[in-house]
Amino acid sequence: MKKKHIILLIALLFSTHCIVAQKRRANPVKENFNTILQADIKNQKKPPFTRKVPGLKADTIIRDTLFIAVDTTKRHIEYPTVNGITIGANVWDPIMRLTGQKYGGIGFSAEVSLWNRIFPYLELGFGSADNTPEEMNFTYKGKASLYGKLGAKYNFRFNYEPDNQILAGVNLGYSNFKYDITNVSLNSGYWGESETISILDQKSHALWAELLFSLRVKIAGNVSMGWSFIYHFLLTEKKLPDSSPWYIPGFGTRNNKVTGNFSVFYTIPVKSKLKSKETPKDAYTGEPLTD
């Protein structure tokens, strides 16, 4: 009996195996070989460059997303010694005079770009005044007189293209000028009388220093515009026995320490190739990447 039981058990197991195998053949499970397994890149930064791997056929099935890793080391642009010459016009005072200001002038500047970092600066212009200051008892008439400024600026964005610049600098300014003070009202409290006098043909000169901060942006082509915020102070001036100048060409009103200007620039480029100290490379092959 035991042998018969063993034989029946073996026959039962064999028949069960055949039935299961037959069902598998009758209902095969189709594997999806077109499924592309992709890593979770939701929280990863997209690499700056992607490309196909050379040598792979177009119909080759890739079971995982493949990126060519890129060395994203910051590139530093190396500019030539002389990178350009920029000429400009300070049009702030002319605009303000159109709106009713009774003093000011215009200045023209020239600067040289050295390595896109240092900008030696020269400005020449003239200014005049014909104004009766508020709460003052005189009319100040400054004759059109020349002024000059000499200095340098430093570009904090020297490692970038020169389209946008952040500059800080220092200037020395000088002007030799003439002025008249007219309609000076003198009141006598004791006698109750008033008198009007004029102080004419006054000649003076002044030397001052400027600390400035500038922003410059490209408009189109080689044309750009910029704003400057200036803190200035007198270093020396010619003392006169009868008067002091209320307005100094290139400086402005003597009691105003902070001023500004708005200028339009045109840059004459110097033809030379820019060099890059570091070029992006393929992290796997080490070969330079080209566009």
C-alpha atoms as a PDB file:
ATOM      1  CA  MET A   1       0.000   0.000   0.000  1.00  0.00           C
ATOM      2  CA  LYS A   2       2.735   2.371   0.765  1.00  0.00           C
ATOM      3  CA  LYS A   3       4.283   1.943  -2.653  1.00  0.00           C
ATOM      4  CA  LYS A   4       0.916   2.567  -4.330  1.00  0.00           C
ATOM      5  CA  HIS A   5       0.433   5.728  -2.291  1.00  0.00           C
ATOM      6  CA  ILE A   6       3.844   7.015  -3.270  1.00  0.00           C
ATOM      7  CA  ILE A   7       3.205   6.262  -6.954  1.00  0.00           C
ATOM      8  CA  LEU A   8      -0.189   8.038  -6.833  1.00  0.00           C
ATOM      9  CA  LEU A   9       1.372  11.110  -5.127  1.00  0.00           C
ATOM     10  CA  ILE A  10       4.092  11.372  -7.774  1.00  0.00           C
ATOM     11  CA  ALA A  11       1.506  11.020 -10.563  1.00  0.00           C
ATOM     12  CA  LEU A  12      -0.650  13.756  -8.970  1.00  0.00           C
ATOM     13  CA  LEU A  13       2.272  16.214  -8.667  1.00  0.00           C
ATOM     14  CA  PHE A  14       3.356  15.558 -12.262  1.00  0.00           C
ATOM     15  CA  SER A  15      -0.142  16.151 -13.647  1.00  0.00           C
ATOM     16  CA  THR A  16      -0.500  19.379 -11.628  1.00  0.00           C
ATOM     17  CA  HIS A  17       2.799  20.681 -13.033  1.00  0.00           C
ATOM     18  CA  CYS A  18       1.716  19.946 -16.584  1.00  0.00           C
ATOM     19  CA  ILE A  19      -1.587  21.780 -16.143  1.00  0.00           C
ATOM     20  CA  VAL A  20       0.130  24.892 -14.754  1.00  0.00           C
ATOM     21  CA  ALA A  21       2.709  24.872 -17.541  1.00  0.00           C
ATOM     22  CA  GLN A  22      -0.037  24.536 -20.136  1.00  0.00           C
ATOM     23  CA  LYS A  23      -1.876  27.523 -18.691  1.00  0.00           C
ATOM     24  CA  ARG A  24       1.303  29.596 -18.822  1.00  0.00           C
ATOM     25  CA  ARG A  25       1.760  28.738 -22.481  1.00  0.00           C
ATOM     26  CA  ALA A  26      -1.863  29.533 -23.153  1.00  0.00           C
ATOM     27  CA  ASN A  27      -1.689  32.959 -21.406  1.00  0.00           C
ATOM     28  CA  PRO A  28       1.846  34.255 -21.779  1.00  0.00           C
ATOM     29  CA  VAL A  29       2.783  37.543 -20.020  1.00  0.00           C
ATOM     30  CA  LYS A  30       4.066  40.077 -22.549  1.00  0.00           C
ATOM     31  CA  GLU A  31       7.129  41.935 -21.367  1.00  0.00           C
ATOM     32  CA  ASN A  32       7.236  45.633 -22.264  1.00  0.00           C
ATOM     33  CA  PHE A  33      10.716  46.120 -23.650  1.00  0.00           C
ATOM     34  CA  ASN A  34       9.863  49.681 -24.759  1.00  0.00           C
ATOM     35  CA  THR A  35       9.556  50.943 -21.195  1.00  0.00           C
ATOM     36  CA  ILE A  36      12.230  53.519 -20.415  1.00  0.00           C
ATOM     37  CA  LEU A  37      13.203  53.534 -16.787  1.00  0.00           C
ATOM     38  CA  GLN A  38      13.955  57.108 -15.768  1.00  0.00           C
ATOM     39  CA  ALA A  39      15.613  58.312 -12.619  1.00  0.00           C
ATOM     40  CA  ASP A  40      13.689  60.675 -10.399  1.00  0.00           C
ATOM     41  CA  ILE A  41      15.060  64.079 -11.454  1.00  0.00           C
ATOM     42  CA  LYS A  42      12.289  66.209  -9.986  1.00  0.00           C
ATOM     43  CA  ASN A  43      14.567  67.705  -7.389  1.00  0.00           C
ATOM     44  CA  GLN A  44      17.691  67.696  -9.510  1.00  0.00           C
ATOM     45  CA  LYS A  45      18.929  70.606 -11.569  1.00  0.00           C
ATOM     46  CA  LYS A  46      18.742  70.108 -15.286  1.00  0.00           C
ATOM     47  CA  PRO A  47      22.263  69.866 -16.710  1.00  0.00           C
ATOM     48  CA  PRO A  48      23.259  72.757 -18.971  1.00  0.00           C
ATOM     49  CA  PHE A  49      24.055  70.442 -21.908  1.00  0.00           C
ATOM     50  CA  THR A  50      22.436  67.176 -23.030  1.00  0.00           C
ATOM     51  CA  ARG A  51      23.298  65.116 -26.046  1.00  0.00           C
ATOM     52  CA  LYS A  52      23.084  61.571 -27.390  1.00  0.00           C
ATOM     53  CA  VAL A  53      25.898  59.139 -26.803  1.00  0.00           C
ATOM     54  CA  PRO A  54      27.942  58.729 -29.997  1.00  0.00           C
ATOM     55  CA  GLY A  55      27.725  55.229 -31.502  1.00  0.00           C
ATOM     56  CA  LEU A  56      24.216  54.364 -30.354  1.00  0.00           C
ATOM     57  CA  LYS A  57      21.801  53.505 -33.160  1.00  0.00           C
ATOM     58  CA  ALA A  58      18.541  55.390 -33.482  1.00  0.00           C
ATOM     59  CA  ASP A  59      16.464  52.242 -32.758  1.00  0.00           C
ATOM     60  CA  THR A  60      18.495  51.209 -29.739  1.00  0.00           C
ATOM     61  CA  ILE A  61      16.323  50.872 -26.634  1.00  0.00           C
ATOM     62  CA  ILE A  62      17.809  52.647 -23.611  1.00  0.00           C
ATOM     63  CA  ARG A  63      16.341  51.384 -20.365  1.00  0.00           C
ATOM     64  CA  ASP A  64      17.454  54.418 -18.378  1.00  0.00           C
ATOM     65  CA  THR A  65      17.807  58.166 -19.052  1.00  0.00           C
ATOM     66  CA  LEU A  66      21.401  59.005 -19.877  1.00  0.00           C
ATOM     67  CA  PHE A  67      22.912  62.475 -19.479  1.00  0.00           C
ATOM     68  CA  ILE A  68      26.411  63.522 -20.387  1.00  0.00           C
ATOM     69  CA  ALA A  69      27.736  65.193 -17.256  1.00  0.00           C
ATOM     70  CA  VAL A  70      29.242  68.631 -17.808  1.00  0.00           C
ATOM     71  CA  ASP A  71      31.886  70.468 -15.877  1.00  0.00           C
ATOM     72  CA  THR A  72      30.080  73.704 -14.984  1.00  0.00           C
ATOM     73  CA  THR A  73      33.144  75.527 -13.675  1.00  0.00           C
ATOM     74  CA  LYS A  74      32.620  79.302 -13.831  1.00  0.00           C
ATOM     75  CA  ARG A  75      34.228  80.856 -16.864  1.00  0.00           C
ATOM     76  CA  HIS A  76      36.332  83.977 -16.458  1.00  0.00           C
ATOM     77  CA  ILE A  77      36.642  86.198 -19.511  1.00  0.00           C
ATOM     78  CA  GLU A  78      40.091  87.629 -20.105  1.00  0.00           C
ATOM     79  CA  TYR A  79      39.850  90.982 -21.902  1.00  0.00           C
ATOM     80  CA  PRO A  80      42.674  92.685 -23.809  1.00  0.00           C
ATOM     81  CA  THR A  81      44.462  95.619 -22.231  1.00  0.00           C
ATOM     82  CA  VAL A  82      42.503  98.209 -24.207  1.00  0.00           C
ATOM     83  CA  ASN A  83      38.980  96.928 -24.629  1.00  0.00           C
ATOM     84  CA  GLY A  84      37.236 100.045 -25.971  1.00  0.00           C
ATOM     85  CA  ILE A  85      36.875 103.805 -25.881  1.00  0.00           C
ATOM     86  CA  THR A  86      33.608 105.313 -24.670  1.00  0.00           C
ATOM     87  CA  ILE A  87      32.431 108.869 -25.228  1.00  0.00           C
ATOM     88  CA  GLY A  88      29.439 110.283 -23.401  1.00  0.00           C
ATOM     89  CA  ALA A  89      27.292 113.330 -22.789  1.00  0.00           C
ATOM     90  CA  ASN A  90      25.846 114.308 -19.416  1.00  0.00           C
ATOM     91  CA  VAL A  91      22.359 115.474 -20.356  1.00  0.00           C
ATOM     92  CA  TRP A  92      20.892 115.786 -16.864  1.00  0.00           C
ATOM     93  CA  ASP A  93      21.320 119.565 -16.539  1.00  0.00           C
ATOM     94  CA  PRO A  94      19.927 120.342 -20.021  1.00  0.00           C
ATOM     95  CA  ILE A  95      16.844 118.245 -19.189  1.00  0.00           C
ATOM     96  CA  MET A  96      16.432 120.015 -15.851  1.00  0.00           C
ATOM     97  CA  ARG A  97      16.791 123.442 -17.445  1.00  0.00           C
ATOM     98  CA  LEU A  98      13.970 122.586 -19.819  1.00  0.00           C
ATOM     99  CA  THR A  99      11.811 121.973 -16.753  1.00  0.00           C
ATOM    100  CA  GLY A 100      12.610 125.383 -15.252  1.00  0.00           C
ATOM    101  CA  GLN A 101      15.951 125.032 -13.447  1.00  0.00           C
ATOM    102  CA  LYS A 102      17.923 128.274 -13.727  1.00  0.00           C
ATOM    103  CA  TYR A 103      21.455 126.878 -13.472  1.00  0.00           C
ATOM    104  CA  GLY A 104      23.502 124.024 -14.908  1.00  0.00           C
ATOM    105  CA  GLY A 105      25.420 123.108 -18.032  1.00  0.00           C
ATOM    106  CA  ILE A 106      26.495 120.155 -20.113  1.00  0.00           C
ATOM    107  CA  GLY A 107      29.545 117.894 -19.995  1.00  0.00           C
ATOM    108  CA  PHE A 108      31.228 115.555 -22.468  1.00  0.00           C
ATOM    109  CA  SER A 109      33.321 112.645 -21.272  1.00  0.00           C
ATOM    110  CA  ALA A 110      35.784 110.123 -22.640  1.00  0.00           C
ATOM    111  CA  GLU A 111      37.044 106.981 -20.952  1.00  0.00           C
ATOM    112  CA  VAL A 112      39.222 104.029 -21.873  1.00  0.00           C
ATOM    113  CA  SER A 113      38.339 100.477 -20.865  1.00  0.00           C
ATOM    114  CA  LEU A 114      41.400  98.666 -19.513  1.00  0.00           C
ATOM    115  CA  TRP A 115      40.702  94.921 -19.169  1.00  0.00           C
ATOM    116  CA  ASN A 116      37.013  95.856 -18.729  1.00  0.00           C
ATOM    117  CA  ARG A 117      37.994  96.616 -15.144  1.00  0.00           C
ATOM    118  CA  ILE A 118      39.582 100.078 -14.834  1.00  0.00           C
ATOM    119  CA  PHE A 119      38.267 103.135 -16.683  1.00  0.00           C
ATOM    120  CA  PRO A 120      40.452 106.280 -16.706  1.00  0.00           C
ATOM    121  CA  TYR A 121      38.029 109.165 -17.074  1.00  0.00           C
ATOM    122  CA  LEU A 122      38.095 112.717 -18.459  1.00  0.00           C
ATOM    123  CA  GLU A 123      35.169 115.149 -18.607  1.00  0.00           C
ATOM    124  CA  LEU A 124      35.052 118.646 -20.048  1.00  0.00           C
ATOM    125  CA  GLY A 125      32.058 120.971 -20.037  1.00  0.00           C
ATOM    126  CA  PHE A 126      30.671 124.348 -19.120  1.00  0.00           C
ATOM    127  CA  GLY A 127      28.036 125.721 -16.804  1.00  0.00           C
ATOM    128  CA  SER A 128      26.193 128.952 -16.108  1.00  0.00           C
ATOM    129  CA  ALA A 129      23.526 130.342 -13.778  1.00  0.00           C
ATOM    130  CA  ASP A 130      20.918 133.081 -13.684  1.00  0.00           C
ATOM    131  CA  ASN A 131      18.876 132.513 -10.576  1.00  0.00           C
ATOM    132  CA  THR A 132      17.397 134.211  -7.560  1.00  0.00           C
ATOM    133  CA  PRO A 133      17.671 131.580  -4.820  1.00  0.00           C
ATOM    134  CA  GLU A 134      14.626 131.132  -2.602  1.00  0.00           C
ATOM    135  CA  GLU A 135      14.693 133.160   0.608  1.00  0.00           C
ATOM    136  CA  MET A 136      17.801 134.992  -0.599  1.00  0.00           C
ATOM    137  CA  ASN A 137      18.210 138.715  -1.161  1.00  0.00           C
ATOM    138  CA  PHE A 138      20.220 138.589  -4.390  1.00  0.00           C
ATOM    139  CA  THR A 139      20.290 137.375  -7.980  1.00  0.00           C
ATOM    140  CA  TYR A 140      23.262 135.253  -8.968  1.00  0.00           C
ATOM    141  CA  LYS A 141      24.499 135.432 -12.556  1.00  0.00           C
ATOM    142  CA  GLY A 142      27.260 132.971 -13.339  1.00  0.00           C
ATOM    143  CA  LYS A 143      28.799 133.499 -16.731  1.00  0.00           C
ATOM    144  CA  ALA A 144      29.305 130.448 -18.951  1.00  0.00           C
ATOM    145  CA  SER A 145      32.618 128.995 -17.790  1.00  0.00           C
ATOM    146  CA  LEU A 146      34.556 125.827 -18.456  1.00  0.00           C
ATOM    147  CA  TYR A 147      35.268 123.026 -16.015  1.00  0.00           C
ATOM    148  CA  GLY A 148      37.213 119.778 -16.154  1.00  0.00           C
ATOM    149  CA  LYS A 149      37.223 116.471 -14.266  1.00  0.00           C
ATOM    150  CA  LEU A 150      39.879 113.772 -14.184  1.00  0.00           C
ATOM    151  CA  GLY A 151      39.604 110.427 -12.434  1.00  0.00           C
ATOM    152  CA  ALA A 152      39.056 106.694 -12.749  1.00  0.00           C
ATOM    153  CA  LYS A 153      36.294 104.146 -12.236  1.00  0.00           C
ATOM    154  CA  TYR A 154      36.366 100.489 -11.253  1.00  0.00           C
ATOM    155  CA  ASN A 155      33.952  97.948 -12.776  1.00  0.00           C
ATOM    156  CA  PHE A 156      32.773  95.315 -10.293  1.00  0.00           C
ATOM    157  CA  ARG A 157      31.436  93.196 -13.178  1.00  0.00           C
ATOM    158  CA  PHE A 158      34.753  92.916 -15.013  1.00  0.00           C
ATOM    159  CA  ASN A 159      34.362  89.131 -15.488  1.00  0.00           C
ATOM    160  CA  TYR A 160      31.181  89.581 -17.521  1.00  0.00           C
ATOM    161  CA  GLU A 161      30.197  91.032 -20.854  1.00  0.00           C
ATOM    162  CA  PRO A 162      30.352  94.863 -20.756  1.00  0.00           C
ATOM    163  CA  ASP A 163      26.647  95.304 -21.546  1.00  0.00           C
ATOM    164  CA  ASN A 164      25.834  96.031 -17.898  1.00  0.00           C
ATOM    165  CA  GLN A 165      28.303  97.592 -15.485  1.00  0.00           C
ATOM    166  CA  ILE A 166      28.430  98.534 -11.818  1.00  0.00           C
ATOM    167  CA  LEU A 167      31.086 101.211 -11.284  1.00  0.00           C
ATOM    168  CA  ALA A 168      32.609 103.152  -8.437  1.00  0.00           C
ATOM    169  CA  GLY A 169      35.209 105.854  -8.785  1.00  0.00           C
ATOM    170  CA  VAL A 170      36.857 109.056  -7.707  1.00  0.00           C
ATOM    171  CA  ASN A 171      37.309 112.339  -9.618  1.00  0.00           C
ATOM    172  CA  LEU A 172      39.043 115.654  -9.173  1.00  0.00           C
ATOM    173  CA  GLY A 173      37.277 118.669 -10.634  1.00  0.00           C
ATOM    174  CA  TYR A 174      38.461 122.198 -11.362  1.00  0.00           C
ATOM    175  CA  SER A 175      36.834 125.341 -12.721  1.00  0.00           C
ATOM    176  CA  ASN A 176      37.931 128.926 -13.278  1.00  0.00           C
ATOM    177  CA  PHE A 177      34.821 131.084 -13.514  1.00  0.00           C
ATOM    178  CA  LYS A 178      33.265 134.554 -13.321  1.00  0.00           C
ATOM    179  CA  TYR A 179      30.029 135.757 -11.816  1.00  0.00           C
ATOM    180  CA  ASP A 180      27.958 138.787 -10.863  1.00  0.00           C
ATOM    181  CA  ILE A 181      25.717 139.259  -7.841  1.00  0.00           C
ATOM    182  CA  THR A 182      22.973 141.763  -8.547  1.00  0.00           C
ATOM    183  CA  ASN A 183      19.873 143.145  -6.831  1.00  0.00           C
ATOM    184  CA  VAL A 184      21.372 142.716  -3.408  1.00  0.00           C
ATOM    185  CA  SER A 185      18.814 144.159  -0.986  1.00  0.00           C
ATOM    186  CA  LEU A 186      20.190 145.745   2.164  1.00  0.00           C
ATOM    187  CA  ASN A 187      17.696 146.800   4.823  1.00  0.00           C
ATOM    188  CA  SER A 188      18.535 149.109   7.684  1.00  0.00           C
ATOM    189  CA  GLY A 189      16.513 148.254  10.765  1.00  0.00           C
ATOM    190  CA  TYR A 190      17.600 151.385  12.558  1.00  0.00           C
ATOM    191  CA  TRP A 191      16.835 153.947   9.848  1.00  0.00           C
ATOM    192  CA  GLY A 192      14.051 151.910   8.204  1.00  0.00           C
ATOM    193  CA  GLU A 193      15.617 152.337   4.799  1.00  0.00           C
ATOM    194  CA  SER A 194      16.575 149.805   2.098  1.00  0.00           C
ATOM    195  CA  GLU A 195      19.268 149.875  -0.528  1.00  0.00           C
ATOM    196  CA  THR A 196      19.999 147.762  -3.616  1.00  0.00           C
ATOM    197  CA  ILE A 197      23.577 147.171  -4.702  1.00  0.00           C
ATOM    198  CA  SER A 198      25.445 144.953  -7.163  1.00  0.00           C
ATOM    199  CA  ILE A 199      28.776 143.144  -6.908  1.00  0.00           C
ATOM    200  CA  LEU A 200      30.155 142.746 -10.403  1.00  0.00           C
ATOM    201  CA  ASP A 201      33.048 141.080 -12.222  1.00  0.00           C
ATOM    202  CA  GLN A 202      33.909 138.542  -9.551  1.00  0.00           C
ATOM    203  CA  LYS A 203      36.582 136.031 -10.542  1.00  0.00           C
ATOM    204  CA  SER A 204      37.259 132.816  -8.670  1.00  0.00           C
ATOM    205  CA  HIS A 205      38.383 129.206  -9.070  1.00  0.00           C
ATOM    206  CA  ALA A 206      37.676 126.025  -7.164  1.00  0.00           C
ATOM    207  CA  LEU A 207      39.083 122.508  -6.799  1.00  0.00           C
ATOM    208  CA  TRP A 208      36.889 119.687  -5.533  1.00  0.00           C
ATOM    209  CA  ALA A 209      36.807 115.904  -5.128  1.00  0.00           C
ATOM    210  CA  GLU A 210      34.042 113.467  -6.059  1.00  0.00           C
ATOM    211  CA  LEU A 211      33.137 109.964  -4.913  1.00  0.00           C
ATOM    212  CA  LEU A 212      30.688 108.349  -7.287  1.00  0.00           C
ATOM    213  CA  PHE A 213      28.663 105.187  -7.811  1.00  0.00           C
ATOM    214  CA  SER A 214      27.363 104.439 -11.309  1.00  0.00           C
ATOM    215  CA  LEU A 215      25.079 101.978 -13.082  1.00  0.00           C
ATOM    216  CA  ARG A 216      25.313 101.512 -16.833  1.00  0.00           C
ATOM    217  CA  VAL A 217      23.117  99.438 -19.152  1.00  0.00           C
ATOM    218  CA  LYS A 218      23.208  98.719 -22.856  1.00  0.00           C
ATOM    219  CA  ILE A 219      20.369 100.124 -24.967  1.00  0.00           C
ATOM    220  CA  ALA A 220      21.190  98.859 -28.460  1.00  0.00           C
ATOM    221  CA  GLY A 221      24.356  98.168 -30.388  1.00  0.00           C
ATOM    222  CA  ASN A 222      27.159 100.289 -28.965  1.00  0.00           C
ATOM    223  CA  VAL A 223      24.812 102.772 -27.285  1.00  0.00           C
ATOM    224  CA  SER A 224      24.295 102.669 -23.522  1.00  0.00           C
ATOM    225  CA  MET A 225      23.030 104.932 -20.767  1.00  0.00           C
ATOM    226  CA  GLY A 226      23.944 105.365 -17.145  1.00  0.00           C
ATOM    227  CA  TRP A 227      23.105 107.008 -13.856  1.00  0.00           C
ATOM    228  CA  SER A 228      25.640 108.363 -11.384  1.00  0.00           C
ATOM    229  CA  PHE A 229      25.205 109.280  -7.731  1.00  0.00           C
ATOM    230  CA  ILE A 230      27.876 111.697  -6.534  1.00  0.00           C
ATOM    231  CA  TYR A 231      29.118 112.897  -3.176  1.00  0.00           C
ATOM    232  CA  HIS A 232      31.463 115.858  -3.595  1.00  0.00           C
ATOM    233  CA  PHE A 233      33.198 118.430  -1.436  1.00  0.00           C
ATOM    234  CA  LEU A 234      35.376 121.470  -2.022  1.00  0.00           C
ATOM    235  CA  LEU A 235      39.101 121.116  -1.454  1.00  0.00           C
ATOM    236  CA  THR A 236      40.071 124.711  -2.082  1.00  0.00           C
ATOM    237  CA  GLU A 237      38.671 127.880  -3.615  1.00  0.00           C
ATOM    238  CA  LYS A 238      39.759 131.438  -4.147  1.00  0.00           C
ATOM    239  CA  LYS A 239      38.503 133.642  -1.335  1.00  0.00           C
ATOM    240  CA  LEU A 240      37.049 136.986  -2.309  1.00  0.00           C
ATOM    241  CA  PRO A 241      36.566 139.901   0.118  1.00  0.00           C
ATOM    242  CA  ASP A 242      33.078 140.841  -1.049  1.00  0.00           C
ATOM    243  CA  SER A 243      31.387 137.545  -1.987  1.00  0.00           C
ATOM    244  CA  SER A 244      31.410 133.776  -2.269  1.00  0.00           C
ATOM    245  CA  PRO A 245      30.226 131.894  -5.379  1.00  0.00           C
ATOM    246  CA  TRP A 246      26.759 130.365  -5.051  1.00  0.00           C
ATOM    247  CA  TYR A 247      27.182 128.200  -8.158  1.00  0.00           C
ATOM    248  CA  ILE A 248      30.389 126.519  -9.423  1.00  0.00           C
ATOM    249  CA  PRO A 249      30.412 125.096 -12.991  1.00  0.00           C
ATOM    250  CA  GLY A 250      30.769 121.305 -12.908  1.00  0.00           C
ATOM    251  CA  PHE A 251      30.186 121.213  -9.163  1.00  0.00           C
ATOM    252  CA  GLY A 252      26.744 122.741  -8.758  1.00  0.00           C
ATOM    253  CA  THR A 253      25.461 124.819  -5.880  1.00  0.00           C
ATOM    254  CA  ARG A 254      28.099 125.080  -3.165  1.00  0.00           C
ATOM    255  CA  ASN A 255      25.846 123.928  -0.300  1.00  0.00           C
ATOM    256  CA  ASN A 256      24.676 120.743  -2.030  1.00  0.00           C
ATOM    257  CA  LYS A 257      26.925 117.795  -1.112  1.00  0.00           C
ATOM    258  CA  VAL A 258      25.025 115.082  -2.972  1.00  0.00           C
ATOM    259  CA  THR A 259      24.061 115.254  -6.632  1.00  0.00           C
ATOM    260  CA  GLY A 260      23.669 113.029  -9.660  1.00  0.00           C
ATOM    261  CA  ASN A 261      23.651 112.931 -13.414  1.00  0.00           C
ATOM    262  CA  PHE A 262      22.271 110.999 -16.351  1.00  0.00           C
ATOM    263  CA  SER A 263      24.460 110.308 -19.379  1.00  0.00           C
ATOM    264  CA  VAL A 264      24.253 108.692 -22.797  1.00  0.00           C
ATOM    265  CA  PHE A 265      27.320 106.810 -24.098  1.00  0.00           C
ATOM    266  CA  TYR A 266      28.689 105.432 -27.346  1.00  0.00           C
ATOM    267  CA  THR A 267      31.454 102.825 -27.205  1.00  0.00           C
ATOM    268  CA  ILE A 268      34.046 102.500 -29.944  1.00  0.00           C
ATOM    269  CA  PRO A 269      35.080  98.817 -29.714  1.00  0.00           C
ATOM    270  CA  VAL A 270      38.630  97.617 -30.145  1.00  0.00           C
ATOM    271  CA  LYS A 271      38.837  94.600 -32.420  1.00  0.00           C
ATOM    272  CA  SER A 272      40.450  91.785 -30.493  1.00  0.00           C
ATOM    273  CA  LYS A 273      39.436  88.304 -29.518  1.00  0.00           C
ATOM    274  CA  LEU A 274      38.265  87.600 -26.004  1.00  0.00           C
ATOM    275  CA  LYS A 275      39.975  84.739 -24.241  1.00  0.00           C
ATOM    276  CA  SER A 276      38.397  82.371 -21.768  1.00  0.00           C
ATOM    277  CA  LYS A 277      40.536  81.077 -18.935  1.00  0.00           C
ATOM    278  CA  GLU A 278      38.356  77.987 -18.517  1.00  0.00           C
ATOM    279  CA  THR A 279      36.172  76.186 -21.053  1.00  0.00           C
ATOM    280  CA  PRO A 280      33.366  73.768 -20.133  1.00  0.00           C
ATOM    281  CA  LYS A 281      34.473  70.164 -20.614  1.00  0.00           C
ATOM    282  CA  ASP A 282      32.743  66.824 -20.804  1.00  0.00           C
ATOM    283  CA  ALA A 283      33.192  65.279 -17.356  1.00  0.00           C
ATOM    284  CA  TYR A 284      33.471  61.784 -18.857  1.00  0.00           C
ATOM    285  CA  THR A 285      35.678  62.281 -21.908  1.00  0.00           C
ATOM    286  CA  GLY A 286      37.488  65.476 -20.840  1.00  0.00           C
ATOM    287  CA  GLU A 287      36.955  66.959 -24.298  1.00  0.00           C
ATOM    288  CA  PRO A 288      35.928  70.646 -24.666  1.00  0.00           C
ATOM    289  CA  LEU A 289      32.247  71.175 -25.352  1.00  0.00           C
ATOM    290  CA  THR A 290      31.351  73.184 -28.418  1.00  0.00           C
ATOM    291  CA  ASP A 291      28.046  74.728 -29.340  1.00  0.00           C
END
